[in-house]
Amino acid sequence: MNKSLVVNTRILQSHTTGVQRYLLELLSRMPEVERVSPVEKMAGVRGHVWEQFRLPVSCRGKLLWSPSNTGPLAVRNQVVTIHDVAPLDHPEWMNPRFAAWYHFLIPRLARRVKHIIVVSEFTRQRLITHSRIDPDKVTVVHCGVDARFQPQGQEAIVAARTALQLPTGRYVLSVGSLEPRKNLGRLLLAWERLLPELPPDVWLVLAGARGKNHVFADVPELKQLPERVFMSGYVPDEMLPALYAGAMAFVYPSTYEGFGAPPLEAMACGTPVLTGNRASLPEVVGDAGVMVDPFSVEDIADGLRQLLLDDALRLALVPKGLKQAAKFRWDITAQHTRAILHEAARE
């Protein structure tokens, strides 16, 4: 298959996010495949122009794998990986030009290519709805969890806590991205509501969050940041497993995810998880976490109350989370992806 397959690696010229990690993990397990990308870094419009007009020349006569939501419309002999269809479901979250381009591209690309890989059943159903394609043309291949996410020793946990200057050893961890789908506003309102019931040494840690002014702009109901909220700023990758492992619980009340890796990473580190009950999160977390309505501040507060005040529940969720996370391995993802590509190349 290596002589008949080309992988579009343009996305690796961007900063590392979930899509880039997906590709890097699979390429490390598929070293035989030929990679193609622009000679120089091409972001934005220039990158898309290269992809649509130059890339087809580079892969002529070969199967093209486009692993990051986009691909050239001129190439029918192609397998594309779609991670989510957020630009189609929620264009209001995006730059208008970005949303318009993806609204044009994704359905047409889905109808033209040989096969489509998606990372969740949720994304599969949304793509079929938007693109009106044969369901047999779309295969779910879940992402994996990096092996470095595992229970950590106390020394590593204390080192991470000290380096990040956390105010306490008893904390709830959340991601601090201010994308609308991450739902930081409702989480902060739920935290404010729950504070009087919590022990005084329990804090909410927002990893990666930006300055307070941005939070207030995003959450107009908040006049000031609630008490016992700590913004860690950027967290180096090597500290993430210990940060997860040291948390009493991990909360991820996202309203929309094509897959949703952070809850799996937390569970793999032995940390109980609370997530939203929408999009792909139920199929990823299963019965190993506490599910809440992410659009309800009261429901988020109730879920946090259960997790933080019920020691038995937290203890029961740890082995469940470890078992659930163990189902998602990059080796399995690579094996299934290789099989799909091999079949497409053979056809």
C-alpha atoms as a PDB file:
ATOM      1  CA  MET A   1       0.000   0.000   0.000  1.00  0.00           C
ATOM      2  CA  ASN A   2       2.892   2.411   0.658  1.00  0.00           C
ATOM      3  CA  LYS A   3       3.572   2.896  -3.076  1.00  0.00           C
ATOM      4  CA  SER A   4      -0.055   3.668  -3.868  1.00  0.00           C
ATOM      5  CA  LEU A   5      -0.921   5.971  -0.944  1.00  0.00           C
ATOM      6  CA  VAL A   6      -0.148   9.643  -0.354  1.00  0.00           C
ATOM      7  CA  VAL A   7      -1.026  11.434   2.896  1.00  0.00           C
ATOM      8  CA  ASN A   8      -1.808  15.136   2.894  1.00  0.00           C
ATOM      9  CA  THR A   9       0.194  16.531   5.849  1.00  0.00           C
ATOM     10  CA  ARG A  10      -0.430  20.250   5.285  1.00  0.00           C
ATOM     11  CA  ILE A  11      -2.146  20.427   8.682  1.00  0.00           C
ATOM     12  CA  LEU A  12       1.156  19.685  10.447  1.00  0.00           C
ATOM     13  CA  GLN A  13       2.366  23.168   9.495  1.00  0.00           C
ATOM     14  CA  SER A  14      -0.113  24.597  12.036  1.00  0.00           C
ATOM     15  CA  HIS A  15       0.243  24.637  15.831  1.00  0.00           C
ATOM     16  CA  THR A  16      -0.585  21.337  17.511  1.00  0.00           C
ATOM     17  CA  THR A  17      -4.262  20.744  18.307  1.00  0.00           C
ATOM     18  CA  GLY A  18      -6.362  17.597  18.485  1.00  0.00           C
ATOM     19  CA  VAL A  19      -6.418  17.094  14.707  1.00  0.00           C
ATOM     20  CA  GLN A  20      -2.647  17.384  14.436  1.00  0.00           C
ATOM     21  CA  ARG A  21      -2.196  14.949  17.343  1.00  0.00           C
ATOM     22  CA  TYR A  22      -4.475  12.462  15.583  1.00  0.00           C
ATOM     23  CA  LEU A  23      -2.338  12.576  12.459  1.00  0.00           C
ATOM     24  CA  LEU A  24       0.981  12.428  14.325  1.00  0.00           C
ATOM     25  CA  GLU A  25      -0.157   9.391  16.326  1.00  0.00           C
ATOM     26  CA  LEU A  26      -1.219   7.523  13.181  1.00  0.00           C
ATOM     27  CA  LEU A  27       1.856   8.484  11.152  1.00  0.00           C
ATOM     28  CA  SER A  28       4.085   7.158  13.949  1.00  0.00           C
ATOM     29  CA  ARG A  29       2.365   3.785  13.436  1.00  0.00           C
ATOM     30  CA  MET A  30       2.280   3.993   9.631  1.00  0.00           C
ATOM     31  CA  PRO A  31       5.825   5.093   8.763  1.00  0.00           C
ATOM     32  CA  GLU A  32       5.661   3.517   5.335  1.00  0.00           C
ATOM     33  CA  VAL A  33       3.206   6.016   3.837  1.00  0.00           C
ATOM     34  CA  GLU A  34       4.345   8.831   1.565  1.00  0.00           C
ATOM     35  CA  ARG A  35       3.753  12.334   2.920  1.00  0.00           C
ATOM     36  CA  VAL A  36       3.080  15.450   0.866  1.00  0.00           C
ATOM     37  CA  SER A  37       2.786  19.061   2.043  1.00  0.00           C
ATOM     38  CA  PRO A  38       3.639  22.562   0.776  1.00  0.00           C
ATOM     39  CA  VAL A  39       7.348  23.297   0.534  1.00  0.00           C
ATOM     40  CA  GLU A  40       6.843  26.434   2.607  1.00  0.00           C
ATOM     41  CA  LYS A  41       4.349  27.127   5.374  1.00  0.00           C
ATOM     42  CA  MET A  42       1.000  28.099   3.916  1.00  0.00           C
ATOM     43  CA  ALA A  43      -1.739  29.195   6.301  1.00  0.00           C
ATOM     44  CA  GLY A  44      -5.300  30.267   5.616  1.00  0.00           C
ATOM     45  CA  VAL A  45      -6.348  30.896   2.028  1.00  0.00           C
ATOM     46  CA  ARG A  46      -2.922  30.077   0.560  1.00  0.00           C
ATOM     47  CA  GLY A  47      -3.001  26.659   2.200  1.00  0.00           C
ATOM     48  CA  HIS A  48      -6.436  25.885   0.794  1.00  0.00           C
ATOM     49  CA  VAL A  49      -5.373  27.051  -2.679  1.00  0.00           C
ATOM     50  CA  TRP A  50      -2.362  24.695  -2.543  1.00  0.00           C
ATOM     51  CA  GLU A  51      -4.610  21.866  -1.397  1.00  0.00           C
ATOM     52  CA  GLN A  52      -7.191  22.378  -4.137  1.00  0.00           C
ATOM     53  CA  PHE A  53      -4.873  23.017  -7.095  1.00  0.00           C
ATOM     54  CA  ARG A  54      -1.317  21.809  -6.386  1.00  0.00           C
ATOM     55  CA  LEU A  55      -1.937  18.719  -4.273  1.00  0.00           C
ATOM     56  CA  PRO A  56      -3.902  16.853  -6.994  1.00  0.00           C
ATOM     57  CA  VAL A  57      -0.795  16.941  -9.201  1.00  0.00           C
ATOM     58  CA  SER A  58       1.362  15.412  -6.439  1.00  0.00           C
ATOM     59  CA  CYS A  59      -0.958  12.450  -5.876  1.00  0.00           C
ATOM     60  CA  ARG A  60      -1.870  11.628  -9.463  1.00  0.00           C
ATOM     61  CA  GLY A  61      -2.323   7.884  -9.903  1.00  0.00           C
ATOM     62  CA  LYS A  62      -2.332   7.226  -6.151  1.00  0.00           C
ATOM     63  CA  LEU A  63      -4.897   7.062  -3.371  1.00  0.00           C
ATOM     64  CA  LEU A  64      -4.924  10.280  -1.338  1.00  0.00           C
ATOM     65  CA  TRP A  65      -5.673  10.258   2.381  1.00  0.00           C
ATOM     66  CA  SER A  66      -6.762  13.680   3.623  1.00  0.00           C
ATOM     67  CA  PRO A  67      -6.822  13.296   7.446  1.00  0.00           C
ATOM     68  CA  SER A  68      -7.996  16.723   8.614  1.00  0.00           C
ATOM     69  CA  ASN A  69     -11.513  17.642   7.413  1.00  0.00           C
ATOM     70  CA  THR A  70     -10.512  19.092   4.038  1.00  0.00           C
ATOM     71  CA  GLY A  71      -9.224  17.784   0.724  1.00  0.00           C
ATOM     72  CA  PRO A  72      -9.117  18.615  -2.988  1.00  0.00           C
ATOM     73  CA  LEU A  73     -12.446  18.378  -4.782  1.00  0.00           C
ATOM     74  CA  ALA A  74     -10.671  17.351  -7.984  1.00  0.00           C
ATOM     75  CA  VAL A  75      -9.490  14.032  -6.483  1.00  0.00           C
ATOM     76  CA  ARG A  76     -12.080  11.269  -6.384  1.00  0.00           C
ATOM     77  CA  ASN A  77      -9.531   8.591  -5.479  1.00  0.00           C
ATOM     78  CA  GLN A  78      -9.439   9.849  -1.918  1.00  0.00           C
ATOM     79  CA  VAL A  79     -10.276   8.907   1.674  1.00  0.00           C
ATOM     80  CA  VAL A  80     -10.973  11.846   3.979  1.00  0.00           C
ATOM     81  CA  THR A  81     -11.153  11.945   7.790  1.00  0.00           C
ATOM     82  CA  ILE A  82     -13.855  14.258   9.159  1.00  0.00           C
ATOM     83  CA  HIS A  83     -13.397  15.122  12.843  1.00  0.00           C
ATOM     84  CA  ASP A  84     -16.549  17.197  13.234  1.00  0.00           C
ATOM     85  CA  VAL A  85     -18.992  19.262  11.224  1.00  0.00           C
ATOM     86  CA  ALA A  86     -19.177  22.201  13.634  1.00  0.00           C
ATOM     87  CA  PRO A  87     -18.916  24.761  10.769  1.00  0.00           C
ATOM     88  CA  LEU A  88     -22.130  23.271   9.350  1.00  0.00           C
ATOM     89  CA  ASP A  89     -23.934  22.756  12.658  1.00  0.00           C
ATOM     90  CA  HIS A  90     -22.828  26.032  14.268  1.00  0.00           C
ATOM     91  CA  PRO A  91     -21.498  28.529  11.701  1.00  0.00           C
ATOM     92  CA  GLU A  92     -22.181  31.303  14.220  1.00  0.00           C
ATOM     93  CA  TRP A  93     -19.168  30.083  16.215  1.00  0.00           C
ATOM     94  CA  MET A  94     -16.802  30.593  13.290  1.00  0.00           C
ATOM     95  CA  ASN A  95     -15.254  33.349  11.253  1.00  0.00           C
ATOM     96  CA  PRO A  96     -17.932  33.949   8.549  1.00  0.00           C
ATOM     97  CA  ARG A  97     -15.533  33.311   5.640  1.00  0.00           C
ATOM     98  CA  PHE A  98     -14.216  30.151   7.311  1.00  0.00           C
ATOM     99  CA  ALA A  99     -17.760  28.883   7.920  1.00  0.00           C
ATOM    100  CA  ALA A 100     -18.860  29.691   4.355  1.00  0.00           C
ATOM    101  CA  TRP A 101     -15.894  27.809   2.841  1.00  0.00           C
ATOM    102  CA  TYR A 102     -16.504  24.680   4.924  1.00  0.00           C
ATOM    103  CA  HIS A 103     -20.249  24.866   4.277  1.00  0.00           C
ATOM    104  CA  PHE A 104     -19.416  24.744   0.565  1.00  0.00           C
ATOM    105  CA  LEU A 105     -16.591  22.207   0.765  1.00  0.00           C
ATOM    106  CA  ILE A 106     -17.559  19.451   3.199  1.00  0.00           C
ATOM    107  CA  PRO A 107     -20.823  18.194   1.612  1.00  0.00           C
ATOM    108  CA  ARG A 108     -19.321  18.266  -1.903  1.00  0.00           C
ATOM    109  CA  LEU A 109     -16.121  16.546  -0.780  1.00  0.00           C
ATOM    110  CA  ALA A 110     -18.123  13.887   1.077  1.00  0.00           C
ATOM    111  CA  ARG A 111     -20.115  13.096  -2.059  1.00  0.00           C
ATOM    112  CA  ARG A 112     -17.028  12.876  -4.323  1.00  0.00           C
ATOM    113  CA  VAL A 113     -14.462  10.844  -2.364  1.00  0.00           C
ATOM    114  CA  LYS A 114     -14.225   7.045  -2.160  1.00  0.00           C
ATOM    115  CA  HIS A 115     -14.678   6.730   1.582  1.00  0.00           C
ATOM    116  CA  ILE A 116     -14.949   8.811   4.745  1.00  0.00           C
ATOM    117  CA  ILE A 117     -13.532   8.091   8.200  1.00  0.00           C
ATOM    118  CA  VAL A 118     -15.189   9.847  11.141  1.00  0.00           C
ATOM    119  CA  VAL A 119     -14.104   9.814  14.782  1.00  0.00           C
ATOM    120  CA  SER A 120     -17.528   9.271  16.377  1.00  0.00           C
ATOM    121  CA  GLU A 121     -21.010   8.010  15.575  1.00  0.00           C
ATOM    122  CA  PHE A 122     -22.297  11.495  16.372  1.00  0.00           C
ATOM    123  CA  THR A 123     -20.130  13.020  13.626  1.00  0.00           C
ATOM    124  CA  ARG A 124     -21.168  10.231  11.253  1.00  0.00           C
ATOM    125  CA  GLN A 125     -24.857  10.997  11.700  1.00  0.00           C
ATOM    126  CA  ARG A 126     -24.374  14.763  11.367  1.00  0.00           C
ATOM    127  CA  LEU A 127     -22.263  14.342   8.205  1.00  0.00           C
ATOM    128  CA  ILE A 128     -24.827  12.015   6.604  1.00  0.00           C
ATOM    129  CA  THR A 129     -27.578  14.521   7.408  1.00  0.00           C
ATOM    130  CA  HIS A 130     -25.698  17.475   5.932  1.00  0.00           C
ATOM    131  CA  SER A 131     -24.256  15.702   2.890  1.00  0.00           C
ATOM    132  CA  ARG A 132     -27.062  13.267   1.978  1.00  0.00           C
ATOM    133  CA  ILE A 133     -24.613  10.428   1.302  1.00  0.00           C
ATOM    134  CA  ASP A 134     -24.845   6.636   1.520  1.00  0.00           C
ATOM    135  CA  PRO A 135     -24.296   5.670   5.195  1.00  0.00           C
ATOM    136  CA  ASP A 136     -22.154   2.710   4.039  1.00  0.00           C
ATOM    137  CA  LYS A 137     -19.624   5.219   2.739  1.00  0.00           C
ATOM    138  CA  VAL A 138     -18.839   6.455   6.279  1.00  0.00           C
ATOM    139  CA  THR A 139     -16.943   4.430   8.902  1.00  0.00           C
ATOM    140  CA  VAL A 140     -16.424   5.320  12.565  1.00  0.00           C
ATOM    141  CA  VAL A 141     -12.861   4.908  13.826  1.00  0.00           C
ATOM    142  CA  HIS A 142     -12.495   6.333  17.318  1.00  0.00           C
ATOM    143  CA  CYS A 143      -9.385   8.235  18.364  1.00  0.00           C
ATOM    144  CA  GLY A 144      -7.058   6.858  21.017  1.00  0.00           C
ATOM    145  CA  VAL A 145      -5.540   8.070  24.272  1.00  0.00           C
ATOM    146  CA  ASP A 146      -1.817   8.731  24.524  1.00  0.00           C
ATOM    147  CA  ALA A 147      -0.065   6.162  26.741  1.00  0.00           C
ATOM    148  CA  ARG A 148       1.450   8.946  28.877  1.00  0.00           C
ATOM    149  CA  PHE A 149      -2.010   9.560  30.351  1.00  0.00           C
ATOM    150  CA  GLN A 150      -2.027   7.125  33.267  1.00  0.00           C
ATOM    151  CA  PRO A 151      -2.184   7.324  37.074  1.00  0.00           C
ATOM    152  CA  GLN A 152       0.746   9.327  38.429  1.00  0.00           C
ATOM    153  CA  GLY A 153       2.858   9.086  41.560  1.00  0.00           C
ATOM    154  CA  GLN A 154       2.510  11.643  44.335  1.00  0.00           C
ATOM    155  CA  GLU A 155       5.927  13.119  43.557  1.00  0.00           C
ATOM    156  CA  ALA A 156       4.909  14.026  39.979  1.00  0.00           C
ATOM    157  CA  ILE A 157       1.574  15.438  41.162  1.00  0.00           C
ATOM    158  CA  VAL A 158       3.220  17.670  43.785  1.00  0.00           C
ATOM    159  CA  ALA A 159       5.861  18.806  41.275  1.00  0.00           C
ATOM    160  CA  ALA A 160       3.213  19.881  38.757  1.00  0.00           C
ATOM    161  CA  ARG A 161       1.134  21.574  41.436  1.00  0.00           C
ATOM    162  CA  THR A 162       4.189  23.487  42.665  1.00  0.00           C
ATOM    163  CA  ALA A 163       5.347  24.477  39.180  1.00  0.00           C
ATOM    164  CA  LEU A 164       1.892  25.814  38.295  1.00  0.00           C
ATOM    165  CA  GLN A 165       1.564  27.502  41.719  1.00  0.00           C
ATOM    166  CA  LEU A 166      -1.828  25.957  42.428  1.00  0.00           C
ATOM    167  CA  PRO A 167      -3.356  27.356  45.629  1.00  0.00           C
ATOM    168  CA  THR A 168      -4.474  23.954  46.953  1.00  0.00           C
ATOM    169  CA  GLY A 169      -4.039  20.214  46.572  1.00  0.00           C
ATOM    170  CA  ARG A 170      -7.827  19.752  46.437  1.00  0.00           C
ATOM    171  CA  TYR A 171      -9.094  21.049  43.135  1.00  0.00           C
ATOM    172  CA  VAL A 172     -11.557  20.470  40.311  1.00  0.00           C
ATOM    173  CA  LEU A 173      -9.844  20.698  36.942  1.00  0.00           C
ATOM    174  CA  SER A 174     -11.365  22.104  33.766  1.00  0.00           C
ATOM    175  CA  VAL A 175     -10.152  23.297  30.430  1.00  0.00           C
ATOM    176  CA  GLY A 176     -10.198  27.072  30.112  1.00  0.00           C
ATOM    177  CA  SER A 177     -10.677  27.565  26.374  1.00  0.00           C
ATOM    178  CA  LEU A 178     -13.109  30.380  25.646  1.00  0.00           C
ATOM    179  CA  GLU A 179     -14.682  28.778  22.598  1.00  0.00           C
ATOM    180  CA  PRO A 180     -18.486  28.980  23.009  1.00  0.00           C
ATOM    181  CA  ARG A 181     -18.806  25.193  22.836  1.00  0.00           C
ATOM    182  CA  LYS A 182     -16.541  24.730  25.894  1.00  0.00           C
ATOM    183  CA  ASN A 183     -19.247  26.346  28.045  1.00  0.00           C
ATOM    184  CA  LEU A 184     -16.962  28.111  30.514  1.00  0.00           C
ATOM    185  CA  GLY A 185     -19.646  30.661  31.369  1.00  0.00           C
ATOM    186  CA  ARG A 186     -22.195  28.179  32.691  1.00  0.00           C
ATOM    187  CA  LEU A 187     -19.466  26.305  34.550  1.00  0.00           C
ATOM    188  CA  LEU A 188     -18.437  29.469  36.402  1.00  0.00           C
ATOM    189  CA  LEU A 189     -22.051  30.289  37.243  1.00  0.00           C
ATOM    190  CA  ALA A 190     -22.548  26.724  38.554  1.00  0.00           C
ATOM    191  CA  TRP A 191     -19.347  27.010  40.607  1.00  0.00           C
ATOM    192  CA  GLU A 192     -20.526  30.300  42.113  1.00  0.00           C
ATOM    193  CA  ARG A 193     -23.834  28.676  43.058  1.00  0.00           C
ATOM    194  CA  LEU A 194     -22.131  25.652  44.642  1.00  0.00           C
ATOM    195  CA  LEU A 195     -19.378  27.455  46.594  1.00  0.00           C
ATOM    196  CA  PRO A 196     -21.245  27.798  49.939  1.00  0.00           C
ATOM    197  CA  GLU A 197     -21.592  24.000  50.123  1.00  0.00           C
ATOM    198  CA  LEU A 198     -17.930  23.158  49.472  1.00  0.00           C
ATOM    199  CA  PRO A 199     -15.054  22.815  51.948  1.00  0.00           C
ATOM    200  CA  PRO A 200     -12.953  26.011  51.979  1.00  0.00           C
ATOM    201  CA  ASP A 201      -9.853  24.324  50.533  1.00  0.00           C
ATOM    202  CA  VAL A 202     -11.559  23.119  47.319  1.00  0.00           C
ATOM    203  CA  TRP A 203     -10.804  25.286  44.251  1.00  0.00           C
ATOM    204  CA  LEU A 204     -11.684  25.264  40.542  1.00  0.00           C
ATOM    205  CA  VAL A 205      -8.582  25.260  38.312  1.00  0.00           C
ATOM    206  CA  LEU A 206      -8.988  26.447  34.732  1.00  0.00           C
ATOM    207  CA  ALA A 207      -6.068  25.128  32.709  1.00  0.00           C
ATOM    208  CA  GLY A 208      -5.040  27.281  29.789  1.00  0.00           C
ATOM    209  CA  ALA A 209      -7.529  30.064  30.481  1.00  0.00           C
ATOM    210  CA  ARG A 210      -6.773  33.585  29.408  1.00  0.00           C
ATOM    211  CA  GLY A 211      -7.162  36.795  31.419  1.00  0.00           C
ATOM    212  CA  LYS A 212     -10.135  37.655  33.602  1.00  0.00           C
ATOM    213  CA  ASN A 213     -11.339  40.422  31.272  1.00  0.00           C
ATOM    214  CA  HIS A 214     -11.934  37.862  28.542  1.00  0.00           C
ATOM    215  CA  VAL A 215     -13.946  35.714  30.947  1.00  0.00           C
ATOM    216  CA  PHE A 216     -16.153  38.619  31.971  1.00  0.00           C
ATOM    217  CA  ALA A 217     -16.743  39.526  28.322  1.00  0.00           C
ATOM    218  CA  ASP A 218     -17.776  35.946  27.625  1.00  0.00           C
ATOM    219  CA  VAL A 219     -19.964  35.672  30.747  1.00  0.00           C
ATOM    220  CA  PRO A 220     -21.885  38.934  31.179  1.00  0.00           C
ATOM    221  CA  GLU A 221     -23.861  37.541  34.142  1.00  0.00           C
ATOM    222  CA  LEU A 222     -20.648  37.484  36.185  1.00  0.00           C
ATOM    223  CA  LYS A 223     -19.709  40.814  37.710  1.00  0.00           C
ATOM    224  CA  GLN A 224     -16.454  39.377  38.978  1.00  0.00           C
ATOM    225  CA  LEU A 225     -14.657  36.056  38.907  1.00  0.00           C
ATOM    226  CA  PRO A 226     -16.153  33.730  41.574  1.00  0.00           C
ATOM    227  CA  GLU A 227     -14.067  32.964  44.629  1.00  0.00           C
ATOM    228  CA  ARG A 228     -11.620  30.061  44.599  1.00  0.00           C
ATOM    229  CA  VAL A 229     -11.094  30.015  40.843  1.00  0.00           C
ATOM    230  CA  PHE A 230      -7.477  29.735  39.704  1.00  0.00           C
ATOM    231  CA  MET A 231      -6.380  30.346  36.111  1.00  0.00           C
ATOM    232  CA  SER A 232      -3.209  28.371  35.514  1.00  0.00           C
ATOM    233  CA  GLY A 233      -2.440  29.864  32.112  1.00  0.00           C
ATOM    234  CA  TYR A 234      -0.676  27.630  29.600  1.00  0.00           C
ATOM    235  CA  VAL A 235       0.139  24.145  30.917  1.00  0.00           C
ATOM    236  CA  PRO A 236       3.113  22.349  29.297  1.00  0.00           C
ATOM    237  CA  ASP A 237       2.171  19.005  27.757  1.00  0.00           C
ATOM    238  CA  GLU A 238       4.498  17.087  30.053  1.00  0.00           C
ATOM    239  CA  MET A 239       2.628  18.368  33.138  1.00  0.00           C
ATOM    240  CA  LEU A 240      -0.864  17.483  31.941  1.00  0.00           C
ATOM    241  CA  PRO A 241      -0.974  13.846  33.172  1.00  0.00           C
ATOM    242  CA  ALA A 242       0.040  14.880  36.700  1.00  0.00           C
ATOM    243  CA  LEU A 243      -2.414  17.810  36.655  1.00  0.00           C
ATOM    244  CA  TYR A 244      -5.230  15.435  35.672  1.00  0.00           C
ATOM    245  CA  ALA A 245      -4.159  12.789  38.192  1.00  0.00           C
ATOM    246  CA  GLY A 246      -4.001  15.244  41.090  1.00  0.00           C
ATOM    247  CA  ALA A 247      -7.545  16.558  40.581  1.00  0.00           C
ATOM    248  CA  MET A 248     -10.504  15.480  42.700  1.00  0.00           C
ATOM    249  CA  ALA A 249     -12.563  15.555  39.498  1.00  0.00           C
ATOM    250  CA  PHE A 250     -12.361  16.735  35.912  1.00  0.00           C
ATOM    251  CA  VAL A 251     -15.284  18.775  34.570  1.00  0.00           C
ATOM    252  CA  TYR A 252     -15.940  19.162  30.847  1.00  0.00           C
ATOM    253  CA  PRO A 253     -19.437  20.580  30.251  1.00  0.00           C
ATOM    254  CA  SER A 254     -18.909  21.028  26.503  1.00  0.00           C
ATOM    255  CA  THR A 255     -21.978  21.452  24.324  1.00  0.00           C
ATOM    256  CA  TYR A 256     -20.404  20.131  21.114  1.00  0.00           C
ATOM    257  CA  GLU A 257     -17.491  17.759  20.420  1.00  0.00           C
ATOM    258  CA  GLY A 258     -16.659  15.671  17.402  1.00  0.00           C
ATOM    259  CA  PHE A 259     -14.828  13.299  19.746  1.00  0.00           C
ATOM    260  CA  GLY A 260     -13.724  14.900  23.024  1.00  0.00           C
ATOM    261  CA  ALA A 261     -10.307  13.651  24.133  1.00  0.00           C
ATOM    262  CA  PRO A 262      -9.855  15.489  27.490  1.00  0.00           C
ATOM    263  CA  PRO A 263     -12.424  13.388  29.427  1.00  0.00           C
ATOM    264  CA  LEU A 264     -10.718  10.207  28.213  1.00  0.00           C
ATOM    265  CA  GLU A 265      -7.305  11.583  29.188  1.00  0.00           C
ATOM    266  CA  ALA A 266      -8.620  12.386  32.667  1.00  0.00           C
ATOM    267  CA  MET A 267     -10.176   8.938  33.100  1.00  0.00           C
ATOM    268  CA  ALA A 268      -6.955   7.296  31.920  1.00  0.00           C
ATOM    269  CA  CYS A 269      -5.190   9.183  34.731  1.00  0.00           C
ATOM    270  CA  GLY A 270      -7.645   7.801  37.297  1.00  0.00           C
ATOM    271  CA  THR A 271      -9.684  10.997  37.705  1.00  0.00           C
ATOM    272  CA  PRO A 272     -13.526  10.976  37.958  1.00  0.00           C
ATOM    273  CA  VAL A 273     -15.198  12.930  35.154  1.00  0.00           C
ATOM    274  CA  LEU A 274     -18.253  15.130  34.682  1.00  0.00           C
ATOM    275  CA  THR A 275     -19.257  15.897  31.095  1.00  0.00           C
ATOM    276  CA  GLY A 276     -22.114  17.242  29.046  1.00  0.00           C
ATOM    277  CA  ASN A 277     -24.635  14.705  27.734  1.00  0.00           C
ATOM    278  CA  ARG A 278     -24.612  16.047  24.167  1.00  0.00           C
ATOM    279  CA  ALA A 279     -22.848  15.297  20.874  1.00  0.00           C
ATOM    280  CA  SER A 280     -20.138  12.594  20.997  1.00  0.00           C
ATOM    281  CA  LEU A 281     -19.458  12.714  24.740  1.00  0.00           C
ATOM    282  CA  PRO A 282     -21.949   9.990  25.806  1.00  0.00           C
ATOM    283  CA  GLU A 283     -20.418   7.455  23.377  1.00  0.00           C
ATOM    284  CA  VAL A 284     -16.891   8.352  24.500  1.00  0.00           C
ATOM    285  CA  VAL A 285     -17.443   8.466  28.275  1.00  0.00           C
ATOM    286  CA  GLY A 286     -20.168   5.807  28.467  1.00  0.00           C
ATOM    287  CA  ASP A 287     -21.371   5.051  32.005  1.00  0.00           C
ATOM    288  CA  ALA A 288     -17.941   5.858  33.471  1.00  0.00           C
ATOM    289  CA  GLY A 289     -18.701   9.501  34.276  1.00  0.00           C
ATOM    290  CA  VAL A 290     -21.391  11.848  35.559  1.00  0.00           C
ATOM    291  CA  MET A 291     -23.463  13.237  32.661  1.00  0.00           C
ATOM    292  CA  VAL A 292     -25.256  16.594  32.893  1.00  0.00           C
ATOM    293  CA  ASP A 293     -27.264  18.881  30.643  1.00  0.00           C
ATOM    294  CA  PRO A 294     -24.572  21.379  29.603  1.00  0.00           C
ATOM    295  CA  PHE A 295     -27.177  24.055  28.927  1.00  0.00           C
ATOM    296  CA  SER A 296     -28.416  23.982  32.547  1.00  0.00           C
ATOM    297  CA  VAL A 297     -26.400  25.810  35.214  1.00  0.00           C
ATOM    298  CA  GLU A 298     -28.386  23.972  37.871  1.00  0.00           C
ATOM    299  CA  ASP A 299     -27.646  20.575  36.330  1.00  0.00           C
ATOM    300  CA  ILE A 300     -23.905  21.327  36.174  1.00  0.00           C
ATOM    301  CA  ALA A 301     -23.986  22.455  39.816  1.00  0.00           C
ATOM    302  CA  ASP A 302     -25.865  19.285  40.827  1.00  0.00           C
ATOM    303  CA  GLY A 303     -23.335  17.092  39.017  1.00  0.00           C
ATOM    304  CA  LEU A 304     -20.434  18.837  40.707  1.00  0.00           C
ATOM    305  CA  ARG A 305     -22.194  18.513  44.055  1.00  0.00           C
ATOM    306  CA  GLN A 306     -22.491  14.743  43.550  1.00  0.00           C
ATOM    307  CA  LEU A 307     -18.855  14.337  42.585  1.00  0.00           C
ATOM    308  CA  LEU A 308     -17.291  16.593  45.202  1.00  0.00           C
ATOM    309  CA  LEU A 309     -19.397  15.679  48.231  1.00  0.00           C
ATOM    310  CA  ASP A 310     -19.777  11.932  47.608  1.00  0.00           C
ATOM    311  CA  ASP A 311     -16.431  10.226  48.236  1.00  0.00           C
ATOM    312  CA  ALA A 312     -17.901   6.796  47.459  1.00  0.00           C
ATOM    313  CA  LEU A 313     -19.076   7.927  44.030  1.00  0.00           C
ATOM    314  CA  ARG A 314     -15.649   9.307  43.137  1.00  0.00           C
ATOM    315  CA  LEU A 315     -13.975   6.086  44.258  1.00  0.00           C
ATOM    316  CA  ALA A 316     -16.440   3.981  42.233  1.00  0.00           C
ATOM    317  CA  LEU A 317     -15.854   6.020  39.070  1.00  0.00           C
ATOM    318  CA  VAL A 318     -12.063   5.601  39.078  1.00  0.00           C
ATOM    319  CA  PRO A 319     -11.924   1.931  37.946  1.00  0.00           C
ATOM    320  CA  LYS A 320     -14.847   2.511  35.576  1.00  0.00           C
ATOM    321  CA  GLY A 321     -12.990   5.396  33.967  1.00  0.00           C
ATOM    322  CA  LEU A 322      -9.762   3.425  33.644  1.00  0.00           C
ATOM    323  CA  LYS A 323     -11.635   0.562  31.981  1.00  0.00           C
ATOM    324  CA  GLN A 324     -13.455   2.881  29.575  1.00  0.00           C
ATOM    325  CA  ALA A 325     -10.317   4.789  28.596  1.00  0.00           C
ATOM    326  CA  ALA A 326      -8.471   1.520  27.919  1.00  0.00           C
ATOM    327  CA  LYS A 327     -10.870   0.837  25.035  1.00  0.00           C
ATOM    328  CA  PHE A 328      -9.470   3.801  23.100  1.00  0.00           C
ATOM    329  CA  ARG A 329      -5.964   2.930  21.879  1.00  0.00           C
ATOM    330  CA  TRP A 330      -4.049   4.525  19.048  1.00  0.00           C
ATOM    331  CA  ASP A 331      -2.827   1.094  17.939  1.00  0.00           C
ATOM    332  CA  ILE A 332      -6.446   0.093  17.315  1.00  0.00           C
ATOM    333  CA  THR A 333      -7.167   3.393  15.551  1.00  0.00           C
ATOM    334  CA  ALA A 334      -4.161   2.878  13.262  1.00  0.00           C
ATOM    335  CA  GLN A 335      -5.095  -0.749  12.558  1.00  0.00           C
ATOM    336  CA  HIS A 336      -8.652   0.131  11.501  1.00  0.00           C
ATOM    337  CA  THR A 337      -7.510   3.153   9.500  1.00  0.00           C
ATOM    338  CA  ARG A 338      -4.893   1.107   7.643  1.00  0.00           C
ATOM    339  CA  ALA A 339      -7.528  -1.501   6.760  1.00  0.00           C
ATOM    340  CA  ILE A 340      -9.854   1.138   5.296  1.00  0.00           C
ATOM    341  CA  LEU A 341      -7.054   2.726   3.293  1.00  0.00           C
ATOM    342  CA  HIS A 342      -5.861  -0.670   2.055  1.00  0.00           C
ATOM    343  CA  GLU A 343      -9.371  -1.572   0.883  1.00  0.00           C
ATOM    344  CA  ALA A 344      -9.782   1.796  -0.864  1.00  0.00           C
ATOM    345  CA  ALA A 345      -6.402   1.433  -2.585  1.00  0.00           C
ATOM    346  CA  ARG A 346      -7.249  -2.112  -3.701  1.00  0.00           C
ATOM    347  CA  GLU A 347     -10.506  -0.937  -5.257  1.00  0.00           C
END
